[in-house]
């Protein structure tokens, strides 16, 4: 998995119990996944179609860092399936704990929002990287 982005949990990001609000985490996951999908598909015209079920494994508190990692699992005709993992990163010793992970599907679109095929050379990239 490659590092996609890093976020810091701020006090404005927490809910009533002092932990990172789940909706904020979902926004970070969606943005990170979209960035990876856009880079891989060589286009800025990418939309989220699906986010799999998501279980929060560890809490995140204000001041803690979250690192987003991802990898492309599958390339379809006009879609990409990506796995995204959020890990809580300790700045003190470099250890990481899994916060949550999910699989996401992104679709390449054209100007009117209709799906368009992903270029053949992009579909081949995944086969090359897996060898």
Protein backbone atom coordinates (compact mmCIF):
# COMPACT_ATOMS: atom_id res chain seq x y z
CA UNK A 1 0.00 0.00 0.00
CA UNK A 2 1.18 3.49 -0.72
CA UNK A 3 0.80 6.56 1.45
CA UNK A 4 -1.89 8.80 -0.02
CA UNK A 5 -2.37 11.55 2.57
CA UNK A 6 -1.84 12.59 6.17
CA UNK A 7 -4.34 14.40 8.40
CA UNK A 8 -4.20 15.78 11.91
CA UNK A 9 -7.24 15.41 14.15
CA UNK A 10 -8.23 18.87 15.36
CA UNK A 11 -10.65 19.74 18.17
CA UNK A 12 -13.19 20.88 15.57
CA UNK A 13 -13.15 17.30 14.13
CA UNK A 14 -14.34 15.54 17.30
CA UNK A 15 -17.80 14.50 18.46
CA UNK A 16 -19.43 14.63 21.89
CA UNK A 17 -17.20 11.91 23.36
CA UNK A 18 -13.88 13.52 22.41
CA UNK A 19 -13.10 11.15 19.52
CA UNK A 20 -12.79 11.93 15.83
CA UNK A 21 -16.27 12.23 14.32
CA UNK A 22 -16.96 9.34 11.93
CA UNK A 23 -18.23 11.66 9.20
CA UNK A 24 -14.92 13.52 9.16
CA UNK A 25 -13.07 10.22 8.78
CA UNK A 26 -15.38 9.23 5.91
CA UNK A 27 -14.67 12.52 4.15
CA UNK A 28 -10.91 11.96 4.53
CA UNK A 29 -11.25 8.41 3.21
CA UNK A 30 -13.33 9.54 0.23
CA UNK A 31 -10.92 12.34 -0.65
CA UNK A 32 -7.87 10.08 -0.30
CA UNK A 33 -9.43 7.30 -2.37
CA UNK A 34 -10.47 9.76 -5.07
CA UNK A 35 -6.93 11.19 -5.21
CA UNK A 36 -5.44 7.72 -5.70
CA UNK A 37 -8.08 6.81 -8.30
CA UNK A 38 -7.54 10.05 -10.23
CA UNK A 39 -3.78 9.62 -10.23
CA UNK A 40 -3.97 5.98 -11.31
CA UNK A 41 -6.63 6.62 -13.99
CA UNK A 42 -4.81 9.73 -15.25
CA UNK A 43 -7.92 11.89 -15.03
CA UNK A 44 -9.50 14.38 -12.66
CA UNK A 45 -12.95 13.27 -13.72
CA UNK A 46 -13.63 10.51 -11.20
CA UNK A 47 -16.62 10.01 -8.88
CA UNK A 48 -17.31 7.77 -5.91
CA UNK A 49 -19.79 4.99 -6.66
CA UNK A 50 -19.50 2.72 -3.62
CA UNK A 51 -17.88 2.53 -0.18
CA UNK A 52 -17.94 -0.87 1.52
CA UNK A 53 -18.93 -1.43 5.15
CA UNK A 54 -16.56 0.19 7.58
CA UNK A 55 -15.76 -0.72 11.20
CA UNK A 56 -13.89 1.68 13.45
CA UNK A 57 -11.21 -0.35 15.27
CA UNK A 58 -9.41 2.35 17.29
CA UNK A 59 -10.38 5.83 18.46
CA UNK A 60 -8.65 8.98 17.26
CA UNK A 61 -8.15 11.93 19.61
CA UNK A 62 -7.29 15.57 18.92
CA UNK A 63 -3.63 16.03 18.06
CA UNK A 64 -3.18 12.52 16.65
CA UNK A 65 -2.07 11.95 13.06
CA UNK A 66 -3.99 9.81 10.60
CA UNK A 67 -2.16 8.39 7.60
CA UNK A 68 -4.19 7.12 4.65
CA UNK A 69 -2.80 4.26 2.61
CA UNK A 70 -4.27 2.76 -0.52
CA UNK A 71 -3.86 0.39 -3.40
CA UNK A 72 -5.74 -0.36 -6.59
CA UNK A 73 -7.34 -3.80 -6.40
CA UNK A 74 -9.16 -3.99 -9.73
CA UNK A 75 -9.68 -2.03 -12.93
CA UNK A 76 -12.97 -2.46 -14.76
CA UNK A 77 -14.28 -0.99 -17.99
CA UNK A 78 -14.96 2.45 -16.48
CA UNK A 79 -14.30 1.81 -12.78
CA UNK A 80 -11.50 1.29 -10.27
CA UNK A 81 -11.76 -0.65 -7.02
CA UNK A 82 -9.43 0.72 -4.39
CA UNK A 83 -8.65 -0.39 -0.85
CA UNK A 84 -8.07 2.44 1.62
CA UNK A 85 -6.70 2.05 5.14
CA UNK A 86 -6.64 4.76 7.82
CA UNK A 87 -3.93 4.29 10.45
CA UNK A 88 -3.31 6.29 13.60
CA UNK A 89 0.36 7.23 13.57
CA UNK A 90 2.42 7.97 16.69
CA UNK A 91 4.83 10.84 16.20
CA UNK A 92 6.70 9.65 19.31
CA UNK A 93 7.72 6.15 18.21
CA UNK A 94 6.46 5.72 14.63
CA UNK A 95 4.02 2.92 15.47
CA UNK A 96 0.69 2.73 13.70
CA UNK A 97 -2.70 1.28 14.65
CA UNK A 98 -5.43 0.49 12.17
CA UNK A 99 -8.41 2.80 12.61
CA UNK A 100 -10.53 1.51 9.72
CA UNK A 101 -10.35 0.21 6.17
CA UNK A 102 -12.71 -0.18 3.26
CA UNK A 103 -12.94 -0.95 -0.42
CA UNK A 104 -14.19 1.80 -2.70
CA UNK A 105 -15.36 1.92 -6.30
CA UNK A 106 -14.70 5.02 -8.39
CA UNK A 107 -16.02 5.62 -11.91
CA UNK A 108 -14.36 7.66 -14.63
CA UNK A 109 -16.83 10.13 -16.14
CA UNK A 110 -17.05 12.59 -19.01
CA UNK A 111 -18.30 16.20 -18.94
CA UNK A 112 -21.99 15.31 -18.56
CA UNK A 113 -21.28 12.82 -15.76
CA UNK A 114 -21.69 9.69 -17.85
CA UNK A 115 -19.25 6.77 -17.40
CA UNK A 116 -16.48 6.49 -19.97
CA UNK A 117 -13.98 3.68 -20.48
CA UNK A 118 -10.64 3.72 -18.76
CA UNK A 119 -7.81 3.71 -21.31
CA UNK A 120 -6.36 0.25 -22.08
CA UNK A 121 -2.84 1.27 -21.02
CA UNK A 122 -4.20 2.10 -17.55
CA UNK A 123 -5.86 -1.31 -17.19
CA UNK A 124 -2.50 -2.87 -18.02
CA UNK A 125 -0.74 -0.93 -15.22
CA UNK A 126 -2.30 -3.13 -12.55
CA UNK A 127 -1.08 -6.32 -14.23
CA UNK A 128 2.43 -4.93 -14.48
CA UNK A 129 2.48 -3.84 -10.81
CA UNK A 130 1.24 -7.24 -9.56
CA UNK A 131 4.05 -9.24 -11.22
